[in-house]
Amino acid sequence: MADYLLDTNHLSPLVTFDHPLRQTLIDQLRHSHTFSIAAPVLTEFLFGIQTLPRAVTNLQEWQKYQNAFKYYDIDRADAEQAATLQLELRRRGRQLHTVDALIAAVALRYQLILLTTDQDFQALNGLAQENWVTGAALAPHGG
Protein backbone atom coordinates (compact mmCIF):
# COMPACT_ATOMS: atom_id res chain seq x y z
CA MET A 1 0.00 0.00 0.00
CA ALA A 2 1.35 3.43 -0.93
CA ASP A 3 0.45 6.88 0.32
CA TYR A 4 0.30 9.51 -2.42
CA LEU A 5 -0.04 13.27 -2.53
CA LEU A 6 -1.38 14.59 -5.83
CA ASP A 7 -0.08 17.70 -7.54
CA THR A 8 -2.64 19.64 -9.56
CA ASN A 9 -1.38 18.13 -12.81
CA HIS A 10 -2.34 14.66 -11.52
CA LEU A 11 -5.66 15.70 -9.95
CA SER A 12 -7.04 17.61 -12.95
CA PRO A 13 -7.32 14.52 -15.19
CA LEU A 14 -9.92 13.14 -12.78
CA VAL A 15 -12.52 15.48 -14.33
CA THR A 16 -11.16 15.33 -17.89
CA PHE A 17 -13.13 12.53 -19.54
CA ASP A 18 -10.70 11.81 -22.39
CA HIS A 19 -7.48 12.08 -20.36
CA PRO A 20 -5.58 8.76 -20.26
CA LEU A 21 -4.86 9.15 -16.52
CA ARG A 22 -8.53 9.49 -15.56
CA GLN A 23 -9.40 5.79 -15.47
CA THR A 24 -6.14 4.92 -13.72
CA LEU A 25 -6.98 7.38 -10.95
CA ILE A 26 -10.53 6.09 -10.63
CA ASP A 27 -9.29 2.49 -10.46
CA GLN A 28 -6.59 3.31 -7.92
CA LEU A 29 -9.02 5.20 -5.68
CA ARG A 30 -10.80 1.86 -5.24
CA HIS A 31 -7.63 0.06 -4.09
CA SER A 32 -5.82 0.19 -0.79
CA HIS A 33 -3.64 3.16 -1.68
CA THR A 34 -4.18 6.42 0.17
CA PHE A 35 -4.56 9.55 -1.96
CA SER A 36 -4.21 13.00 -0.48
CA ILE A 37 -4.44 16.62 -1.54
CA ALA A 38 -2.76 19.62 0.05
CA ALA A 39 -4.76 22.85 0.38
CA PRO A 40 -2.79 24.69 -2.36
CA VAL A 41 -3.52 21.92 -4.85
CA LEU A 42 -7.22 22.02 -4.06
CA THR A 43 -7.21 25.78 -4.62
CA GLU A 44 -5.40 25.51 -7.98
CA PHE A 45 -7.60 22.61 -9.06
CA LEU A 46 -10.95 24.21 -8.18
CA PHE A 47 -9.95 27.48 -9.80
CA GLY A 48 -8.75 25.73 -12.95
CA ILE A 49 -11.72 23.46 -13.50
CA GLN A 50 -14.14 26.35 -13.07
CA THR A 51 -12.46 28.54 -15.68
CA LEU A 52 -13.28 26.07 -18.45
CA PRO A 53 -16.46 26.03 -20.54
CA ARG A 54 -17.42 22.71 -18.92
CA ALA A 55 -17.21 24.13 -15.37
CA VAL A 56 -20.56 22.70 -14.23
CA THR A 57 -19.69 19.21 -15.47
CA ASN A 58 -16.22 19.43 -13.91
CA LEU A 59 -17.68 20.29 -10.51
CA GLN A 60 -20.22 17.48 -10.76
CA GLU A 61 -17.43 15.00 -11.53
CA TRP A 62 -15.32 16.33 -8.68
CA GLN A 63 -18.20 15.91 -6.24
CA LYS A 64 -18.29 12.19 -7.08
CA TYR A 65 -14.70 11.66 -5.95
CA GLN A 66 -13.83 14.42 -3.47
CA ASN A 67 -14.51 12.33 -0.36
CA ALA A 68 -12.04 9.66 -1.49
CA PHE A 69 -9.14 12.00 -0.73
CA LYS A 70 -7.47 12.88 2.53
CA TYR A 71 -6.82 16.61 2.90
CA TYR A 72 -3.85 18.40 4.41
CA ASP A 73 -4.10 21.98 5.55
CA ILE A 74 -1.01 24.15 5.65
CA ASP A 75 0.23 25.08 9.10
CA ARG A 76 3.13 27.06 10.46
CA ALA A 77 5.57 24.14 10.27
CA ASP A 78 4.69 23.59 6.60
CA ALA A 79 5.12 27.29 5.82
CA GLU A 80 8.50 27.37 7.54
CA GLN A 81 9.64 24.20 5.76
CA ALA A 82 8.47 25.57 2.41
CA ALA A 83 10.54 28.73 2.90
CA THR A 84 13.56 26.61 3.83
CA LEU A 85 13.14 24.51 0.69
CA GLN A 86 12.94 27.63 -1.47
CA LEU A 87 16.06 29.09 0.12
CA GLU A 88 18.02 25.85 -0.26
CA LEU A 89 17.17 25.64 -3.94
CA ARG A 90 17.87 29.31 -4.57
CA ARG A 91 21.37 28.82 -3.13
CA ARG A 92 21.87 26.05 -5.70
CA GLY A 93 20.63 28.27 -8.53
CA ARG A 94 17.18 26.66 -8.76
CA GLN A 95 13.72 28.11 -8.26
CA LEU A 96 10.67 26.63 -6.60
CA HIS A 97 7.39 28.54 -6.58
CA THR A 98 5.74 29.05 -3.21
CA VAL A 99 2.76 26.83 -3.99
CA ASP A 100 5.10 24.02 -5.05
CA ALA A 101 7.23 24.52 -1.94
CA LEU A 102 4.12 24.16 0.24
CA ILE A 103 3.12 20.97 -1.60
CA ALA A 104 6.65 19.56 -1.17
CA ALA A 105 6.66 20.46 2.54
CA VAL A 106 3.46 18.47 3.08
CA ALA A 107 4.80 15.49 1.10
CA LEU A 108 8.05 15.48 3.07
CA ARG A 109 6.39 15.98 6.45
CA TYR A 110 3.98 13.08 6.02
CA GLN A 111 6.33 10.91 3.92
CA LEU A 112 3.98 10.85 0.93
CA ILE A 113 4.90 10.01 -2.65
CA LEU A 114 4.23 13.08 -4.76
CA LEU A 115 2.42 12.39 -8.03
CA THR A 116 3.54 15.15 -10.38
CA THR A 117 4.75 16.00 -13.85
CA ASP A 118 6.56 19.08 -12.55
CA GLN A 119 10.33 18.84 -13.04
CA ASP A 120 11.02 21.53 -10.41
CA PHE A 121 10.45 19.01 -7.61
CA GLN A 122 13.30 16.78 -8.79
CA ALA A 123 15.92 18.99 -7.14
CA LEU A 124 14.46 18.43 -3.66
CA ASN A 125 16.32 16.10 -1.34
CA GLY A 126 14.37 13.15 0.00
CA LEU A 127 11.16 13.79 -1.91
CA ALA A 128 9.76 10.58 -3.40
CA GLN A 129 7.98 11.25 -6.70
CA GLU A 130 6.14 9.43 -9.43
CA ASN A 131 4.78 10.66 -12.72
CA TRP A 132 1.80 8.54 -13.74
CA VAL A 133 1.44 10.48 -16.98
CA THR A 134 4.78 9.18 -18.28
CA GLY A 135 5.03 6.21 -15.92
CA ALA A 136 8.25 7.46 -14.33
CA ALA A 137 9.08 6.58 -10.73
CA LEU A 138 11.72 8.93 -9.37
CA ALA A 139 13.90 8.08 -6.41
CA PRO A 140 14.38 10.75 -3.79
CA HIS A 141 17.18 13.12 -4.76
CA GLY A 142 20.23 12.51 -2.62
CA GLY A 143 21.75 16.00 -2.94
C-alpha atoms as a PDB file:
ATOM      1  CA  MET A   1       0.000   0.000   0.000  1.00  0.00           C
ATOM      2  CA  ALA A   2       1.352   3.431  -0.928  1.00  0.00           C
ATOM      3  CA  ASP A   3       0.452   6.879   0.322  1.00  0.00           C
ATOM      4  CA  TYR A   4       0.301   9.508  -2.417  1.00  0.00           C
ATOM      5  CA  LEU A   5      -0.040  13.273  -2.535  1.00  0.00           C
ATOM      6  CA  LEU A   6      -1.379  14.587  -5.832  1.00  0.00           C
ATOM      7  CA  ASP A   7      -0.076  17.695  -7.544  1.00  0.00           C
ATOM      8  CA  THR A   8      -2.641  19.643  -9.562  1.00  0.00           C
ATOM      9  CA  ASN A   9      -1.381  18.126 -12.814  1.00  0.00           C
ATOM     10  CA  HIS A  10      -2.343  14.662 -11.516  1.00  0.00           C
ATOM     11  CA  LEU A  11      -5.664  15.703  -9.951  1.00  0.00           C
ATOM     12  CA  SER A  12      -7.044  17.609 -12.946  1.00  0.00           C
ATOM     13  CA  PRO A  13      -7.319  14.522 -15.187  1.00  0.00           C
ATOM     14  CA  LEU A  14      -9.920  13.139 -12.781  1.00  0.00           C
ATOM     15  CA  VAL A  15     -12.519  15.481 -14.328  1.00  0.00           C
ATOM     16  CA  THR A  16     -11.165  15.328 -17.892  1.00  0.00           C
ATOM     17  CA  PHE A  17     -13.132  12.529 -19.539  1.00  0.00           C
ATOM     18  CA  ASP A  18     -10.702  11.811 -22.388  1.00  0.00           C
ATOM     19  CA  HIS A  19      -7.479  12.084 -20.360  1.00  0.00           C
ATOM     20  CA  PRO A  20      -5.580   8.759 -20.262  1.00  0.00           C
ATOM     21  CA  LEU A  21      -4.864   9.149 -16.521  1.00  0.00           C
ATOM     22  CA  ARG A  22      -8.531   9.493 -15.556  1.00  0.00           C
ATOM     23  CA  GLN A  23      -9.395   5.790 -15.472  1.00  0.00           C
ATOM     24  CA  THR A  24      -6.136   4.921 -13.718  1.00  0.00           C
ATOM     25  CA  LEU A  25      -6.980   7.377 -10.952  1.00  0.00           C
ATOM     26  CA  ILE A  26     -10.533   6.089 -10.633  1.00  0.00           C
ATOM     27  CA  ASP A  27      -9.287   2.489 -10.461  1.00  0.00           C
ATOM     28  CA  GLN A  28      -6.588   3.314  -7.923  1.00  0.00           C
ATOM     29  CA  LEU A  29      -9.019   5.203  -5.683  1.00  0.00           C
ATOM     30  CA  ARG A  30     -10.798   1.861  -5.237  1.00  0.00           C
ATOM     31  CA  HIS A  31      -7.628   0.059  -4.086  1.00  0.00           C
ATOM     32  CA  SER A  32      -5.824   0.187  -0.785  1.00  0.00           C
ATOM     33  CA  HIS A  33      -3.636   3.156  -1.682  1.00  0.00           C
ATOM     34  CA  THR A  34      -4.182   6.419   0.170  1.00  0.00           C
ATOM     35  CA  PHE A  35      -4.557   9.548  -1.956  1.00  0.00           C
ATOM     36  CA  SER A  36      -4.207  12.998  -0.478  1.00  0.00           C
ATOM     37  CA  ILE A  37      -4.438  16.617  -1.543  1.00  0.00           C
ATOM     38  CA  ALA A  38      -2.760  19.618   0.051  1.00  0.00           C
ATOM     39  CA  ALA A  39      -4.755  22.846   0.375  1.00  0.00           C
ATOM     40  CA  PRO A  40      -2.789  24.695  -2.360  1.00  0.00           C
ATOM     41  CA  VAL A  41      -3.523  21.918  -4.853  1.00  0.00           C
ATOM     42  CA  LEU A  42      -7.221  22.015  -4.063  1.00  0.00           C
ATOM     43  CA  THR A  43      -7.209  25.780  -4.623  1.00  0.00           C
ATOM     44  CA  GLU A  44      -5.403  25.512  -7.982  1.00  0.00           C
ATOM     45  CA  PHE A  45      -7.603  22.613  -9.061  1.00  0.00           C
ATOM     46  CA  LEU A  46     -10.946  24.211  -8.178  1.00  0.00           C
ATOM     47  CA  PHE A  47      -9.954  27.484  -9.800  1.00  0.00           C
ATOM     48  CA  GLY A  48      -8.746  25.733 -12.948  1.00  0.00           C
ATOM     49  CA  ILE A  49     -11.724  23.464 -13.497  1.00  0.00           C
ATOM     50  CA  GLN A  50     -14.143  26.348 -13.065  1.00  0.00           C
ATOM     51  CA  THR A  51     -12.460  28.538 -15.682  1.00  0.00           C
ATOM     52  CA  LEU A  52     -13.282  26.073 -18.455  1.00  0.00           C
ATOM     53  CA  PRO A  53     -16.463  26.026 -20.543  1.00  0.00           C
ATOM     54  CA  ARG A  54     -17.415  22.709 -18.921  1.00  0.00           C
ATOM     55  CA  ALA A  55     -17.207  24.127 -15.366  1.00  0.00           C
ATOM     56  CA  VAL A  56     -20.560  22.702 -14.228  1.00  0.00           C
ATOM     57  CA  THR A  57     -19.692  19.209 -15.470  1.00  0.00           C
ATOM     58  CA  ASN A  58     -16.225  19.433 -13.911  1.00  0.00           C
ATOM     59  CA  LEU A  59     -17.679  20.288 -10.513  1.00  0.00           C
ATOM     60  CA  GLN A  60     -20.216  17.482 -10.761  1.00  0.00           C
ATOM     61  CA  GLU A  61     -17.435  14.999 -11.528  1.00  0.00           C
ATOM     62  CA  TRP A  62     -15.316  16.331  -8.683  1.00  0.00           C
ATOM     63  CA  GLN A  63     -18.196  15.908  -6.242  1.00  0.00           C
ATOM     64  CA  LYS A  64     -18.287  12.190  -7.081  1.00  0.00           C
ATOM     65  CA  TYR A  65     -14.697  11.663  -5.950  1.00  0.00           C
ATOM     66  CA  GLN A  66     -13.835  14.421  -3.471  1.00  0.00           C
ATOM     67  CA  ASN A  67     -14.509  12.326  -0.363  1.00  0.00           C
ATOM     68  CA  ALA A  68     -12.044   9.659  -1.493  1.00  0.00           C
ATOM     69  CA  PHE A  69      -9.141  12.004  -0.731  1.00  0.00           C
ATOM     70  CA  LYS A  70      -7.474  12.878   2.528  1.00  0.00           C
ATOM     71  CA  TYR A  71      -6.822  16.611   2.904  1.00  0.00           C
ATOM     72  CA  TYR A  72      -3.848  18.398   4.406  1.00  0.00           C
ATOM     73  CA  ASP A  73      -4.103  21.983   5.552  1.00  0.00           C
ATOM     74  CA  ILE A  74      -1.011  24.145   5.646  1.00  0.00           C
ATOM     75  CA  ASP A  75       0.226  25.077   9.100  1.00  0.00           C
ATOM     76  CA  ARG A  76       3.132  27.061  10.457  1.00  0.00           C
ATOM     77  CA  ALA A  77       5.574  24.141  10.274  1.00  0.00           C
ATOM     78  CA  ASP A  78       4.692  23.589   6.601  1.00  0.00           C
ATOM     79  CA  ALA A  79       5.116  27.291   5.823  1.00  0.00           C
ATOM     80  CA  GLU A  80       8.499  27.371   7.536  1.00  0.00           C
ATOM     81  CA  GLN A  81       9.637  24.196   5.762  1.00  0.00           C
ATOM     82  CA  ALA A  82       8.472  25.575   2.407  1.00  0.00           C
ATOM     83  CA  ALA A  83      10.538  28.730   2.899  1.00  0.00           C
ATOM     84  CA  THR A  84      13.564  26.607   3.833  1.00  0.00           C
ATOM     85  CA  LEU A  85      13.144  24.511   0.690  1.00  0.00           C
ATOM     86  CA  GLN A  86      12.936  27.628  -1.467  1.00  0.00           C
ATOM     87  CA  LEU A  87      16.056  29.086   0.123  1.00  0.00           C
ATOM     88  CA  GLU A  88      18.021  25.848  -0.260  1.00  0.00           C
ATOM     89  CA  LEU A  89      17.172  25.636  -3.941  1.00  0.00           C
ATOM     90  CA  ARG A  90      17.870  29.310  -4.573  1.00  0.00           C
ATOM     91  CA  ARG A  91      21.369  28.821  -3.128  1.00  0.00           C
ATOM     92  CA  ARG A  92      21.869  26.053  -5.696  1.00  0.00           C
ATOM     93  CA  GLY A  93      20.630  28.273  -8.532  1.00  0.00           C
ATOM     94  CA  ARG A  94      17.181  26.659  -8.761  1.00  0.00           C
ATOM     95  CA  GLN A  95      13.724  28.112  -8.258  1.00  0.00           C
ATOM     96  CA  LEU A  96      10.668  26.632  -6.595  1.00  0.00           C
ATOM     97  CA  HIS A  97       7.388  28.538  -6.579  1.00  0.00           C
ATOM     98  CA  THR A  98       5.744  29.054  -3.207  1.00  0.00           C
ATOM     99  CA  VAL A  99       2.761  26.829  -3.988  1.00  0.00           C
ATOM    100  CA  ASP A 100       5.100  24.018  -5.045  1.00  0.00           C
ATOM    101  CA  ALA A 101       7.234  24.517  -1.942  1.00  0.00           C
ATOM    102  CA  LEU A 102       4.119  24.158   0.237  1.00  0.00           C
ATOM    103  CA  ILE A 103       3.123  20.973  -1.596  1.00  0.00           C
ATOM    104  CA  ALA A 104       6.646  19.565  -1.167  1.00  0.00           C
ATOM    105  CA  ALA A 105       6.663  20.463   2.538  1.00  0.00           C
ATOM    106  CA  VAL A 106       3.462  18.466   3.081  1.00  0.00           C
ATOM    107  CA  ALA A 107       4.801  15.488   1.103  1.00  0.00           C
ATOM    108  CA  LEU A 108       8.046  15.480   3.067  1.00  0.00           C
ATOM    109  CA  ARG A 109       6.389  15.978   6.450  1.00  0.00           C
ATOM    110  CA  TYR A 110       3.983  13.081   6.023  1.00  0.00           C
ATOM    111  CA  GLN A 111       6.332  10.907   3.919  1.00  0.00           C
ATOM    112  CA  LEU A 112       3.984  10.851   0.932  1.00  0.00           C
ATOM    113  CA  ILE A 113       4.901  10.011  -2.650  1.00  0.00           C
ATOM    114  CA  LEU A 114       4.230  13.080  -4.761  1.00  0.00           C
ATOM    115  CA  LEU A 115       2.421  12.386  -8.031  1.00  0.00           C
ATOM    116  CA  THR A 116       3.536  15.152 -10.375  1.00  0.00           C
ATOM    117  CA  THR A 117       4.751  15.997 -13.853  1.00  0.00           C
ATOM    118  CA  ASP A 118       6.561  19.083 -12.547  1.00  0.00           C
ATOM    119  CA  GLN A 119      10.332  18.845 -13.044  1.00  0.00           C
ATOM    120  CA  ASP A 120      11.023  21.529 -10.411  1.00  0.00           C
ATOM    121  CA  PHE A 121      10.454  19.009  -7.612  1.00  0.00           C
ATOM    122  CA  GLN A 122      13.304  16.776  -8.791  1.00  0.00           C
ATOM    123  CA  ALA A 123      15.921  18.993  -7.139  1.00  0.00           C
ATOM    124  CA  LEU A 124      14.463  18.430  -3.662  1.00  0.00           C
ATOM    125  CA  ASN A 125      16.324  16.104  -1.340  1.00  0.00           C
ATOM    126  CA  GLY A 126      14.367  13.147   0.002  1.00  0.00           C
ATOM    127  CA  LEU A 127      11.157  13.793  -1.913  1.00  0.00           C
ATOM    128  CA  ALA A 128       9.756  10.577  -3.399  1.00  0.00           C
ATOM    129  CA  GLN A 129       7.980  11.245  -6.698  1.00  0.00           C
ATOM    130  CA  GLU A 130       6.143   9.426  -9.429  1.00  0.00           C
ATOM    131  CA  ASN A 131       4.784  10.655 -12.725  1.00  0.00           C
ATOM    132  CA  TRP A 132       1.798   8.542 -13.737  1.00  0.00           C
ATOM    133  CA  VAL A 133       1.440  10.482 -16.985  1.00  0.00           C
ATOM    134  CA  THR A 134       4.785   9.181 -18.280  1.00  0.00           C
ATOM    135  CA  GLY A 135       5.031   6.208 -15.922  1.00  0.00           C
ATOM    136  CA  ALA A 136       8.249   7.456 -14.328  1.00  0.00           C
ATOM    137  CA  ALA A 137       9.080   6.583 -10.730  1.00  0.00           C
ATOM    138  CA  LEU A 138      11.719   8.933  -9.374  1.00  0.00           C
ATOM    139  CA  ALA A 139      13.896   8.077  -6.413  1.00  0.00           C
ATOM    140  CA  PRO A 140      14.381  10.750  -3.789  1.00  0.00           C
ATOM    141  CA  HIS A 141      17.183  13.118  -4.762  1.00  0.00           C
ATOM    142  CA  GLY A 142      20.231  12.506  -2.622  1.00  0.00           C
ATOM    143  CA  GLY A 143      21.746  15.999  -2.939  1.00  0.00           C
END
